Amino acid sequence: MQPKSSALKTARAFLAAAWAVSSMGAAAATGAAPIKIRIAYPSGMNGQIPVVMERAGIAQKHGLDAEFVFFQYGPPMMEALASGHIDAVVTSLMPVTTFLSRQPDAALVVASLGRSSYSLMVAKSSAAQSVDDLKGKRIAVSFNSDSHLDLLLLLKERKLAPGKDVRLLNVQPNELVFALNEGFAEAVVIRQPQVLKMQQQFGARVVHTWPFDFISIMRTDYLRQSPDALQRYRNALRESIHYAATHKEQASVWFGEKLRVEPEVVRQVSNEDPNLRTVKQLSDVSIDLSPPVRRRLMDWFDASYEHGMVKARIDPNQARIFAN
């Protein structure tokens, strides 16, 4: 007789396989030829969507012959998009801003995909309760990232000048935990799920948190060549979010394997995303580029230019930004 835990794992694997098989049948029933697409995603929480899309067979269900490519960092991923080696990217605001400022009209924003968060954190022993208490201190952050811009905006709001009142250190994402624990910085700006891990393992404290918004873009040239891919891709994104929301345990196991973190950590962090927290039915999932989403992006583009994160302003009157 199988142990209970082994039987549960077998049952979950069987259900996932059955779901994928039914998905393949649905794709075949449409009679439409599959469209090749190369989908890239980073190591952030937004990567859960394409991981589910691949593992649950959702891309195939929606007529996509998809290749999924994982990137540890954003810049190489966006370089692959620019060179034409990738067709669609699941990412966040800053990589898209940098890309479109350099290559107007080369890609279109096609979907809004929910959010996670990143936080300004201090060591357990620190007396700091807010960013104001970090005057004269060192803050480690990954330059030219979403968190970098949000930190600059917060410092400006609190009238703290980088280089004068605080010292910003450019540290790669995978070295931020080390920077704080070893005392190279008095504070770090770090994203989930590392925030939760630092709280649990080291007692680090959060003094400020920002939303980490996720979006997806597609190459304009690719969409010209494969116009039907847009709706198929959007349908696959929507169903992947629904699957992740309604199969939380399986989705967290798949994504935990990719990130090498415990599935329970993935599940806890996923609760920050309204899509994954509240969705019950497919109709509950919205990836629409609504007026608030578009305004948020345009404000981000402007702030990125004003704070020197990009050299060219993104002008919607000069280049198309959003898909229909």
C-alpha atoms as a PDB file:
ATOM      1  CA  MET A   1       0.000   0.000   0.000  1.00  0.00           C
ATOM      2  CA  GLN A   2       1.324   3.461  -0.965  1.00  0.00           C
ATOM      3  CA  PRO A   3       2.068   5.914   1.859  1.00  0.00           C
ATOM      4  CA  LYS A   4      -0.510   8.698   2.041  1.00  0.00           C
ATOM      5  CA  SER A   5       1.924  11.422   0.879  1.00  0.00           C
ATOM      6  CA  SER A   6       3.017   9.313  -2.107  1.00  0.00           C
ATOM      7  CA  ALA A   7      -0.585   8.580  -3.051  1.00  0.00           C
ATOM      8  CA  LEU A   8      -1.441  12.276  -2.918  1.00  0.00           C
ATOM      9  CA  LYS A   9       1.494  13.140  -5.184  1.00  0.00           C
ATOM     10  CA  THR A  10       0.427  10.440  -7.636  1.00  0.00           C
ATOM     11  CA  ALA A  11      -3.143  11.713  -7.645  1.00  0.00           C
ATOM     12  CA  ARG A  12      -2.054  15.295  -8.245  1.00  0.00           C
ATOM     13  CA  ALA A  13       0.228  14.244 -11.101  1.00  0.00           C
ATOM     14  CA  PHE A  14      -2.596  12.212 -12.636  1.00  0.00           C
ATOM     15  CA  LEU A  15      -5.019  15.146 -12.461  1.00  0.00           C
ATOM     16  CA  ALA A  16      -2.502  17.531 -13.992  1.00  0.00           C
ATOM     17  CA  ALA A  17      -1.790  15.070 -16.799  1.00  0.00           C
ATOM     18  CA  ALA A  18      -5.509  14.560 -17.416  1.00  0.00           C
ATOM     19  CA  TRP A  19      -6.024  18.304 -17.580  1.00  0.00           C
ATOM     20  CA  ALA A  20      -3.200  18.663 -20.089  1.00  0.00           C
ATOM     21  CA  VAL A  21      -4.584  15.834 -22.250  1.00  0.00           C
ATOM     22  CA  SER A  22      -8.015  17.464 -22.322  1.00  0.00           C
ATOM     23  CA  SER A  23      -6.296  20.715 -23.294  1.00  0.00           C
ATOM     24  CA  MET A  24      -4.590  19.051 -26.245  1.00  0.00           C
ATOM     25  CA  GLY A  25      -7.915  17.665 -27.361  1.00  0.00           C
ATOM     26  CA  ALA A  26      -9.454  21.112 -27.284  1.00  0.00           C
ATOM     27  CA  ALA A  27      -6.681  22.502 -29.446  1.00  0.00           C
ATOM     28  CA  ALA A  28      -7.107  19.749 -31.985  1.00  0.00           C
ATOM     29  CA  ALA A  29     -10.845  20.339 -32.092  1.00  0.00           C
ATOM     30  CA  THR A  30     -10.411  23.893 -33.357  1.00  0.00           C
ATOM     31  CA  GLY A  31      -8.805  22.661 -36.576  1.00  0.00           C
ATOM     32  CA  ALA A  32      -6.472  25.678 -36.604  1.00  0.00           C
ATOM     33  CA  ALA A  33      -2.797  25.151 -37.292  1.00  0.00           C
ATOM     34  CA  PRO A  34      -0.668  25.852 -34.208  1.00  0.00           C
ATOM     35  CA  ILE A  35       1.348  29.065 -34.246  1.00  0.00           C
ATOM     36  CA  LYS A  36       4.970  28.931 -33.153  1.00  0.00           C
ATOM     37  CA  ILE A  37       5.871  31.322 -30.350  1.00  0.00           C
ATOM     38  CA  ARG A  38       8.879  31.748 -28.077  1.00  0.00           C
ATOM     39  CA  ILE A  39       7.900  32.999 -24.621  1.00  0.00           C
ATOM     40  CA  ALA A  40      10.463  34.321 -22.137  1.00  0.00           C
ATOM     41  CA  TYR A  41      10.088  34.984 -18.433  1.00  0.00           C
ATOM     42  CA  PRO A  42      12.340  36.014 -15.512  1.00  0.00           C
ATOM     43  CA  SER A  43      12.928  34.663 -12.023  1.00  0.00           C
ATOM     44  CA  GLY A  44      10.317  36.919 -10.378  1.00  0.00           C
ATOM     45  CA  MET A  45       6.857  35.892  -9.249  1.00  0.00           C
ATOM     46  CA  ASN A  46       5.480  36.794 -12.691  1.00  0.00           C
ATOM     47  CA  GLY A  47       7.264  33.688 -13.965  1.00  0.00           C
ATOM     48  CA  GLN A  48       4.570  31.532 -12.366  1.00  0.00           C
ATOM     49  CA  ILE A  49       2.194  32.328 -15.249  1.00  0.00           C
ATOM     50  CA  PRO A  50       4.349  30.938 -18.115  1.00  0.00           C
ATOM     51  CA  VAL A  51       5.483  28.012 -15.964  1.00  0.00           C
ATOM     52  CA  VAL A  52       1.837  27.026 -15.475  1.00  0.00           C
ATOM     53  CA  MET A  53       1.122  27.668 -19.154  1.00  0.00           C
ATOM     54  CA  GLU A  54       3.840  25.194 -20.098  1.00  0.00           C
ATOM     55  CA  ARG A  55       3.332  22.523 -17.451  1.00  0.00           C
ATOM     56  CA  ALA A  56      -0.466  22.413 -17.735  1.00  0.00           C
ATOM     57  CA  GLY A  57      -0.475  22.341 -21.551  1.00  0.00           C
ATOM     58  CA  ILE A  58      -2.425  25.590 -21.797  1.00  0.00           C
ATOM     59  CA  ALA A  59      -0.429  27.087 -24.672  1.00  0.00           C
ATOM     60  CA  GLN A  60      -1.119  24.028 -26.805  1.00  0.00           C
ATOM     61  CA  LYS A  61      -4.799  24.141 -25.902  1.00  0.00           C
ATOM     62  CA  HIS A  62      -5.002  27.615 -27.384  1.00  0.00           C
ATOM     63  CA  GLY A  63      -3.238  26.755 -30.617  1.00  0.00           C
ATOM     64  CA  LEU A  64       0.282  27.812 -29.709  1.00  0.00           C
ATOM     65  CA  ASP A  65       3.353  25.725 -30.430  1.00  0.00           C
ATOM     66  CA  ALA A  66       5.267  27.352 -27.599  1.00  0.00           C
ATOM     67  CA  GLU A  67       8.884  27.269 -26.540  1.00  0.00           C
ATOM     68  CA  PHE A  68       9.457  28.635 -23.029  1.00  0.00           C
ATOM     69  CA  VAL A  69      12.748  30.279 -22.083  1.00  0.00           C
ATOM     70  CA  PHE A  70      13.741  31.122 -18.497  1.00  0.00           C
ATOM     71  CA  PHE A  71      16.097  34.037 -17.762  1.00  0.00           C
ATOM     72  CA  GLN A  72      17.715  34.736 -14.410  1.00  0.00           C
ATOM     73  CA  TYR A  73      17.845  38.482 -15.128  1.00  0.00           C
ATOM     74  CA  GLY A  74      15.828  40.960 -17.147  1.00  0.00           C
ATOM     75  CA  PRO A  75      18.464  42.621 -19.394  1.00  0.00           C
ATOM     76  CA  PRO A  76      19.526  39.429 -21.244  1.00  0.00           C
ATOM     77  CA  MET A  77      15.859  38.566 -21.722  1.00  0.00           C
ATOM     78  CA  MET A  78      15.116  41.936 -23.309  1.00  0.00           C
ATOM     79  CA  GLU A  79      18.225  41.632 -25.486  1.00  0.00           C
ATOM     80  CA  ALA A  80      16.873  38.324 -26.765  1.00  0.00           C
ATOM     81  CA  LEU A  81      13.600  40.082 -27.600  1.00  0.00           C
ATOM     82  CA  ALA A  82      15.434  42.885 -29.403  1.00  0.00           C
ATOM     83  CA  SER A  83      17.449  40.409 -31.483  1.00  0.00           C
ATOM     84  CA  GLY A  84      14.312  38.527 -32.540  1.00  0.00           C
ATOM     85  CA  HIS A  85      15.128  35.334 -30.627  1.00  0.00           C
ATOM     86  CA  ILE A  86      12.048  35.778 -28.416  1.00  0.00           C
ATOM     87  CA  ASP A  87       8.496  36.674 -29.466  1.00  0.00           C
ATOM     88  CA  ALA A  88       6.736  37.412 -26.174  1.00  0.00           C
ATOM     89  CA  VAL A  89       7.951  38.358 -22.714  1.00  0.00           C
ATOM     90  CA  VAL A  90       6.303  38.234 -19.310  1.00  0.00           C
ATOM     91  CA  THR A  91       8.003  41.010 -17.378  1.00  0.00           C
ATOM     92  CA  SER A  92       7.503  44.224 -15.392  1.00  0.00           C
ATOM     93  CA  LEU A  93       7.435  47.963 -16.038  1.00  0.00           C
ATOM     94  CA  MET A  94      11.105  48.952 -16.051  1.00  0.00           C
ATOM     95  CA  PRO A  95      12.403  46.436 -18.629  1.00  0.00           C
ATOM     96  CA  VAL A  96       9.596  47.476 -20.976  1.00  0.00           C
ATOM     97  CA  THR A  97      10.372  51.149 -20.389  1.00  0.00           C
ATOM     98  CA  THR A  98      14.037  50.674 -21.217  1.00  0.00           C
ATOM     99  CA  PHE A  99      13.227  48.598 -24.287  1.00  0.00           C
ATOM    100  CA  LEU A 100      10.645  51.003 -25.762  1.00  0.00           C
ATOM    101  CA  SER A 101      12.792  54.065 -25.086  1.00  0.00           C
ATOM    102  CA  ARG A 102      15.534  52.534 -27.216  1.00  0.00           C
ATOM    103  CA  GLN A 103      13.362  50.844 -29.842  1.00  0.00           C
ATOM    104  CA  PRO A 104      10.040  52.632 -30.347  1.00  0.00           C
ATOM    105  CA  ASP A 105       7.466  50.526 -32.205  1.00  0.00           C
ATOM    106  CA  ALA A 106       9.521  47.340 -31.734  1.00  0.00           C
ATOM    107  CA  ALA A 107       7.060  45.829 -29.241  1.00  0.00           C
ATOM    108  CA  LEU A 108       3.516  46.292 -27.962  1.00  0.00           C
ATOM    109  CA  VAL A 109       2.142  45.930 -24.456  1.00  0.00           C
ATOM    110  CA  VAL A 110      -0.503  43.209 -24.732  1.00  0.00           C
ATOM    111  CA  ALA A 111      -1.601  42.320 -21.185  1.00  0.00           C
ATOM    112  CA  SER A 112      -1.663  43.394 -17.557  1.00  0.00           C
ATOM    113  CA  LEU A 113      -0.796  40.404 -15.352  1.00  0.00           C
ATOM    114  CA  GLY A 114      -1.323  41.376 -11.736  1.00  0.00           C
ATOM    115  CA  ARG A 115       1.388  42.132  -9.210  1.00  0.00           C
ATOM    116  CA  SER A 116       3.676  41.040  -6.424  1.00  0.00           C
ATOM    117  CA  SER A 117       5.806  43.400  -4.316  1.00  0.00           C
ATOM    118  CA  TYR A 118       9.295  44.469  -3.303  1.00  0.00           C
ATOM    119  CA  SER A 119      10.323  46.049  -0.036  1.00  0.00           C
ATOM    120  CA  LEU A 120      12.902  48.229   1.666  1.00  0.00           C
ATOM    121  CA  MET A 121      14.295  46.006   4.414  1.00  0.00           C
ATOM    122  CA  VAL A 122      16.676  46.426   7.331  1.00  0.00           C
ATOM    123  CA  ALA A 123      18.403  43.920   9.573  1.00  0.00           C
ATOM    124  CA  LYS A 124      16.721  42.622  12.702  1.00  0.00           C
ATOM    125  CA  SER A 125      19.122  44.650  14.861  1.00  0.00           C
ATOM    126  CA  SER A 126      18.448  47.933  13.041  1.00  0.00           C
ATOM    127  CA  ALA A 127      16.610  50.729  14.843  1.00  0.00           C
ATOM    128  CA  ALA A 128      15.285  52.162  11.553  1.00  0.00           C
ATOM    129  CA  GLN A 129      11.496  52.364  11.289  1.00  0.00           C
ATOM    130  CA  SER A 130      11.238  54.291   8.009  1.00  0.00           C
ATOM    131  CA  VAL A 131      13.369  55.537   5.150  1.00  0.00           C
ATOM    132  CA  ASP A 132      13.871  58.793   7.099  1.00  0.00           C
ATOM    133  CA  ASP A 133      15.917  56.847   9.636  1.00  0.00           C
ATOM    134  CA  LEU A 134      18.353  55.775   6.923  1.00  0.00           C
ATOM    135  CA  LYS A 135      19.894  59.212   6.439  1.00  0.00           C
ATOM    136  CA  GLY A 136      23.657  58.802   6.200  1.00  0.00           C
ATOM    137  CA  LYS A 137      23.286  55.066   5.550  1.00  0.00           C
ATOM    138  CA  ARG A 138      23.882  52.737   2.607  1.00  0.00           C
ATOM    139  CA  ILE A 139      20.962  51.244   0.669  1.00  0.00           C
ATOM    140  CA  ALA A 140      21.645  48.369  -1.715  1.00  0.00           C
ATOM    141  CA  VAL A 141      19.392  48.164  -4.765  1.00  0.00           C
ATOM    142  CA  SER A 142      19.660  46.759  -8.283  1.00  0.00           C
ATOM    143  CA  PHE A 143      20.159  49.783 -10.524  1.00  0.00           C
ATOM    144  CA  ASN A 144      17.870  50.387 -13.518  1.00  0.00           C
ATOM    145  CA  SER A 145      15.198  48.120 -12.067  1.00  0.00           C
ATOM    146  CA  ASP A 146      11.600  48.770 -11.023  1.00  0.00           C
ATOM    147  CA  SER A 147      12.693  48.919  -7.399  1.00  0.00           C
ATOM    148  CA  HIS A 148      15.417  51.448  -8.208  1.00  0.00           C
ATOM    149  CA  LEU A 149      12.949  53.933  -9.682  1.00  0.00           C
ATOM    150  CA  ASP A 150      10.474  53.475  -6.844  1.00  0.00           C
ATOM    151  CA  LEU A 151      13.265  54.042  -4.318  1.00  0.00           C
ATOM    152  CA  LEU A 152      14.286  57.255  -6.099  1.00  0.00           C
ATOM    153  CA  LEU A 153      10.685  58.470  -6.028  1.00  0.00           C
ATOM    154  CA  LEU A 154      10.429  57.720  -2.295  1.00  0.00           C
ATOM    155  CA  LEU A 155      13.712  59.485  -1.540  1.00  0.00           C
ATOM    156  CA  LYS A 156      12.540  62.531  -3.479  1.00  0.00           C
ATOM    157  CA  GLU A 157       9.247  62.536  -1.575  1.00  0.00           C
ATOM    158  CA  ARG A 158      11.124  62.382   1.758  1.00  0.00           C
ATOM    159  CA  LYS A 159      13.633  65.043   0.598  1.00  0.00           C
ATOM    160  CA  LEU A 160      16.599  62.700   0.848  1.00  0.00           C
ATOM    161  CA  ALA A 161      19.214  63.238  -1.875  1.00  0.00           C
ATOM    162  CA  PRO A 162      21.067  60.160  -3.210  1.00  0.00           C
ATOM    163  CA  GLY A 163      24.810  60.663  -2.820  1.00  0.00           C
ATOM    164  CA  LYS A 164      24.325  63.322  -0.169  1.00  0.00           C
ATOM    165  CA  ASP A 165      21.826  62.049   2.386  1.00  0.00           C
ATOM    166  CA  VAL A 166      21.960  58.355   1.507  1.00  0.00           C
ATOM    167  CA  ARG A 167      24.426  56.248  -0.465  1.00  0.00           C
ATOM    168  CA  LEU A 168      22.960  53.893  -3.052  1.00  0.00           C
ATOM    169  CA  LEU A 169      24.898  50.727  -3.858  1.00  0.00           C
ATOM    170  CA  ASN A 170      24.333  48.881  -7.129  1.00  0.00           C
ATOM    171  CA  VAL A 171      23.969  45.214  -6.135  1.00  0.00           C
ATOM    172  CA  GLN A 172      22.715  42.333  -8.279  1.00  0.00           C
ATOM    173  CA  PRO A 173      19.410  40.767  -7.122  1.00  0.00           C
ATOM    174  CA  ASN A 174      20.975  37.479  -6.038  1.00  0.00           C
ATOM    175  CA  GLU A 175      23.524  39.316  -3.839  1.00  0.00           C
ATOM    176  CA  LEU A 176      21.148  41.570  -1.898  1.00  0.00           C
ATOM    177  CA  VAL A 177      20.590  39.135   0.973  1.00  0.00           C
ATOM    178  CA  PHE A 178      24.363  38.782   1.395  1.00  0.00           C
ATOM    179  CA  ALA A 179      24.835  42.564   1.301  1.00  0.00           C
ATOM    180  CA  LEU A 180      22.457  43.077   4.217  1.00  0.00           C
ATOM    181  CA  ASN A 181      23.501  40.085   6.291  1.00  0.00           C
ATOM    182  CA  GLU A 182      27.211  40.840   5.984  1.00  0.00           C
ATOM    183  CA  GLY A 183      26.808  44.526   6.800  1.00  0.00           C
ATOM    184  CA  PHE A 184      27.812  45.939   3.411  1.00  0.00           C
ATOM    185  CA  ALA A 185      24.576  47.953   3.463  1.00  0.00           C
ATOM    186  CA  GLU A 186      22.227  49.078   6.222  1.00  0.00           C
ATOM    187  CA  ALA A 187      19.186  48.453   4.030  1.00  0.00           C
ATOM    188  CA  VAL A 188      18.240  46.683   0.803  1.00  0.00           C
ATOM    189  CA  VAL A 189      15.380  46.878  -1.664  1.00  0.00           C
ATOM    190  CA  ILE A 190      14.463  43.319  -2.542  1.00  0.00           C
ATOM    191  CA  ARG A 191      11.519  41.561  -4.166  1.00  0.00           C
ATOM    192  CA  GLN A 192       9.389  38.621  -3.222  1.00  0.00           C
ATOM    193  CA  PRO A 193       9.810  35.758  -2.455  1.00  0.00           C
ATOM    194  CA  GLN A 194      13.156  36.858  -0.976  1.00  0.00           C
ATOM    195  CA  VAL A 195      11.340  39.314   1.328  1.00  0.00           C
ATOM    196  CA  LEU A 196       9.464  36.498   3.011  1.00  0.00           C
ATOM    197  CA  LYS A 197      12.568  34.308   3.199  1.00  0.00           C
ATOM    198  CA  MET A 198      14.582  37.108   4.838  1.00  0.00           C
ATOM    199  CA  GLN A 199      11.847  37.674   7.387  1.00  0.00           C
ATOM    200  CA  GLN A 200      11.600  33.994   8.229  1.00  0.00           C
ATOM    201  CA  GLN A 201      15.281  33.072   8.172  1.00  0.00           C
ATOM    202  CA  PHE A 202      17.016  36.199   9.441  1.00  0.00           C
ATOM    203  CA  GLY A 203      14.346  38.287  11.155  1.00  0.00           C
ATOM    204  CA  ALA A 204      14.869  41.164   8.706  1.00  0.00           C
ATOM    205  CA  ARG A 205      12.195  43.868   8.869  1.00  0.00           C
ATOM    206  CA  VAL A 206      10.212  45.692   6.197  1.00  0.00           C
ATOM    207  CA  VAL A 207      10.137  49.486   6.468  1.00  0.00           C
ATOM    208  CA  HIS A 208       8.451  50.226   3.126  1.00  0.00           C
ATOM    209  CA  THR A 209       6.706  48.194   0.416  1.00  0.00           C
ATOM    210  CA  TRP A 210       5.782  48.930  -3.194  1.00  0.00           C
ATOM    211  CA  PRO A 211       3.584  47.055  -5.691  1.00  0.00           C
ATOM    212  CA  PHE A 212       5.533  45.172  -8.361  1.00  0.00           C
ATOM    213  CA  ASP A 213       3.337  45.322 -11.475  1.00  0.00           C
ATOM    214  CA  PHE A 214       3.531  42.655 -14.174  1.00  0.00           C
ATOM    215  CA  ILE A 215       2.806  43.022 -17.883  1.00  0.00           C
ATOM    216  CA  SER A 216       3.517  41.193 -21.115  1.00  0.00           C
ATOM    217  CA  ILE A 217       4.781  42.510 -24.430  1.00  0.00           C
ATOM    218  CA  MET A 218       5.144  40.997 -27.896  1.00  0.00           C
ATOM    219  CA  ARG A 219       7.434  41.866 -30.794  1.00  0.00           C
ATOM    220  CA  THR A 220       5.713  44.024 -33.392  1.00  0.00           C
ATOM    221  CA  ASP A 221       7.356  42.182 -36.291  1.00  0.00           C
ATOM    222  CA  TYR A 222       6.190  38.863 -34.891  1.00  0.00           C
ATOM    223  CA  LEU A 223       2.604  40.125 -34.634  1.00  0.00           C
ATOM    224  CA  ARG A 224       2.738  41.331 -38.243  1.00  0.00           C
ATOM    225  CA  GLN A 225       3.787  37.845 -39.326  1.00  0.00           C
ATOM    226  CA  SER A 226       1.382  36.007 -36.972  1.00  0.00           C
ATOM    227  CA  PRO A 227      -1.562  38.321 -36.218  1.00  0.00           C
ATOM    228  CA  ASP A 228      -3.710  35.489 -34.814  1.00  0.00           C
ATOM    229  CA  ALA A 229      -1.102  34.836 -32.138  1.00  0.00           C
ATOM    230  CA  LEU A 230      -2.196  37.884 -30.125  1.00  0.00           C
ATOM    231  CA  GLN A 231      -5.619  36.576 -29.153  1.00  0.00           C
ATOM    232  CA  ARG A 232      -4.361  33.025 -28.665  1.00  0.00           C
ATOM    233  CA  TYR A 233      -1.603  34.273 -26.384  1.00  0.00           C
ATOM    234  CA  ARG A 234      -3.997  36.433 -24.384  1.00  0.00           C
ATOM    235  CA  ASN A 235      -6.390  33.518 -23.980  1.00  0.00           C
ATOM    236  CA  ALA A 236      -3.523  31.337 -22.792  1.00  0.00           C
ATOM    237  CA  LEU A 237      -2.385  33.978 -20.292  1.00  0.00           C
ATOM    238  CA  ARG A 238      -5.896  34.330 -18.920  1.00  0.00           C
ATOM    239  CA  GLU A 239      -6.366  30.590 -18.518  1.00  0.00           C
ATOM    240  CA  SER A 240      -2.922  30.183 -16.952  1.00  0.00           C
ATOM    241  CA  ILE A 241      -3.817  32.738 -14.273  1.00  0.00           C
ATOM    242  CA  HIS A 242      -7.097  30.925 -13.668  1.00  0.00           C
ATOM    243  CA  TYR A 243      -5.290  27.598 -13.345  1.00  0.00           C
ATOM    244  CA  ALA A 244      -2.735  29.063 -10.907  1.00  0.00           C
ATOM    245  CA  ALA A 245      -5.546  30.580  -8.835  1.00  0.00           C
ATOM    246  CA  THR A 246      -7.640  27.416  -8.691  1.00  0.00           C
ATOM    247  CA  HIS A 247      -4.795  24.866  -8.481  1.00  0.00           C
ATOM    248  CA  LYS A 248      -2.586  26.727  -6.019  1.00  0.00           C
ATOM    249  CA  GLU A 249      -0.776  23.705  -4.651  1.00  0.00           C
ATOM    250  CA  GLN A 250       0.188  22.250  -8.032  1.00  0.00           C
ATOM    251  CA  ALA A 251       1.154  25.657  -9.448  1.00  0.00           C
ATOM    252  CA  SER A 252       3.330  26.412  -6.410  1.00  0.00           C
ATOM    253  CA  VAL A 253       5.100  23.042  -6.721  1.00  0.00           C
ATOM    254  CA  TRP A 254       5.914  23.673 -10.384  1.00  0.00           C
ATOM    255  CA  PHE A 255       7.139  27.211  -9.787  1.00  0.00           C
ATOM    256  CA  GLY A 256       8.953  26.289  -6.595  1.00  0.00           C
ATOM    257  CA  GLU A 257      10.975  23.765  -8.589  1.00  0.00           C
ATOM    258  CA  LYS A 258      11.965  26.503 -11.032  1.00  0.00           C
ATOM    259  CA  LEU A 259      12.933  29.023  -8.328  1.00  0.00           C
ATOM    260  CA  ARG A 260      14.292  26.393  -5.942  1.00  0.00           C
ATOM    261  CA  VAL A 261      12.077  27.639  -3.124  1.00  0.00           C
ATOM    262  CA  GLU A 262       9.526  25.845  -0.991  1.00  0.00           C
ATOM    263  CA  PRO A 263       6.026  25.653  -2.535  1.00  0.00           C
ATOM    264  CA  GLU A 264       4.568  27.075   0.695  1.00  0.00           C
ATOM    265  CA  VAL A 265       6.635  30.243   0.192  1.00  0.00           C
ATOM    266  CA  VAL A 266       5.262  30.565  -3.350  1.00  0.00           C
ATOM    267  CA  ARG A 267       1.697  30.128  -2.083  1.00  0.00           C
ATOM    268  CA  GLN A 268       2.103  32.740   0.644  1.00  0.00           C
ATOM    269  CA  VAL A 269       3.599  35.314  -1.713  1.00  0.00           C
ATOM    270  CA  SER A 270       1.004  34.592  -4.416  1.00  0.00           C
ATOM    271  CA  ASN A 271      -1.705  35.824  -2.061  1.00  0.00           C
ATOM    272  CA  GLU A 272      -0.461  39.379  -2.727  1.00  0.00           C
ATOM    273  CA  ASP A 273      -1.736  39.129  -6.299  1.00  0.00           C
ATOM    274  CA  PRO A 274      -5.467  39.979  -6.547  1.00  0.00           C
ATOM    275  CA  ASN A 275      -5.812  37.606  -9.507  1.00  0.00           C
ATOM    276  CA  LEU A 276      -4.400  34.642  -7.654  1.00  0.00           C
ATOM    277  CA  ARG A 277      -6.142  35.529  -4.396  1.00  0.00           C
ATOM    278  CA  THR A 278      -9.700  36.185  -5.552  1.00  0.00           C
ATOM    279  CA  VAL A 279     -10.222  34.404  -8.890  1.00  0.00           C
ATOM    280  CA  LYS A 280     -12.715  31.541  -8.852  1.00  0.00           C
ATOM    281  CA  GLN A 281     -13.916  31.390 -12.456  1.00  0.00           C
ATOM    282  CA  LEU A 282     -12.200  32.126 -15.760  1.00  0.00           C
ATOM    283  CA  SER A 283     -14.488  35.127 -16.226  1.00  0.00           C
ATOM    284  CA  ASP A 284     -13.002  36.633 -13.046  1.00  0.00           C
ATOM    285  CA  VAL A 285      -9.586  36.989 -14.687  1.00  0.00           C
ATOM    286  CA  SER A 286      -8.846  40.376 -16.223  1.00  0.00           C
ATOM    287  CA  ILE A 287      -5.666  41.048 -18.166  1.00  0.00           C
ATOM    288  CA  ASP A 288      -7.176  44.051 -19.955  1.00  0.00           C
ATOM    289  CA  LEU A 289      -5.187  47.188 -20.688  1.00  0.00           C
ATOM    290  CA  SER A 290      -7.760  49.328 -18.911  1.00  0.00           C
ATOM    291  CA  PRO A 291      -7.488  53.150 -18.660  1.00  0.00           C
ATOM    292  CA  PRO A 292      -5.945  52.916 -15.143  1.00  0.00           C
ATOM    293  CA  VAL A 293      -3.374  50.381 -16.384  1.00  0.00           C
ATOM    294  CA  ARG A 294      -2.452  52.602 -19.331  1.00  0.00           C
ATOM    295  CA  ARG A 295      -2.211  55.667 -17.093  1.00  0.00           C
ATOM    296  CA  ARG A 296       0.036  53.784 -14.678  1.00  0.00           C
ATOM    297  CA  LEU A 297       2.356  52.832 -17.530  1.00  0.00           C
ATOM    298  CA  MET A 298       2.481  56.344 -18.964  1.00  0.00           C
ATOM    299  CA  ASP A 299       3.239  57.821 -15.531  1.00  0.00           C
ATOM    300  CA  TRP A 300       5.996  55.241 -15.113  1.00  0.00           C
ATOM    301  CA  PHE A 301       7.467  56.086 -18.518  1.00  0.00           C
ATOM    302  CA  ASP A 302       7.529  59.788 -17.621  1.00  0.00           C
ATOM    303  CA  ALA A 303       9.078  59.213 -14.186  1.00  0.00           C
ATOM    304  CA  SER A 304      11.752  56.971 -15.699  1.00  0.00           C
ATOM    305  CA  TYR A 305      12.793  59.745 -18.072  1.00  0.00           C
ATOM    306  CA  GLU A 306      12.659  62.473 -15.434  1.00  0.00           C
ATOM    307  CA  HIS A 307      14.906  60.478 -13.064  1.00  0.00           C
ATOM    308  CA  GLY A 308      17.445  59.592 -15.755  1.00  0.00           C
ATOM    309  CA  MET A 309      16.605  55.904 -15.950  1.00  0.00           C
ATOM    310  CA  VAL A 310      16.160  56.199 -19.730  1.00  0.00           C
ATOM    311  CA  LYS A 311      17.652  58.702 -22.147  1.00  0.00           C
ATOM    312  CA  ALA A 312      14.644  59.140 -24.425  1.00  0.00           C
ATOM    313  CA  ARG A 313      11.069  59.935 -23.453  1.00  0.00           C
ATOM    314  CA  ILE A 314       8.434  57.452 -24.630  1.00  0.00           C
ATOM    315  CA  ASP A 315       5.884  59.462 -26.596  1.00  0.00           C
ATOM    316  CA  PRO A 316       2.549  57.779 -27.414  1.00  0.00           C
ATOM    317  CA  ASN A 317       2.038  60.345 -30.169  1.00  0.00           C
ATOM    318  CA  GLN A 318       5.185  59.194 -31.932  1.00  0.00           C
ATOM    319  CA  ALA A 319       5.003  55.426 -31.423  1.00  0.00           C
ATOM    320  CA  ARG A 320       2.299  52.885 -30.769  1.00  0.00           C
ATOM    321  CA  ILE A 321       2.591  51.403 -27.284  1.00  0.00           C
ATOM    322  CA  PHE A 322      -0.477  49.271 -26.633  1.00  0.00           C
ATOM    323  CA  ALA A 323      -2.044  46.450 -28.620  1.00  0.00           C
ATOM    324  CA  ASN A 324      -5.747  46.800 -29.401  1.00  0.00           C
END
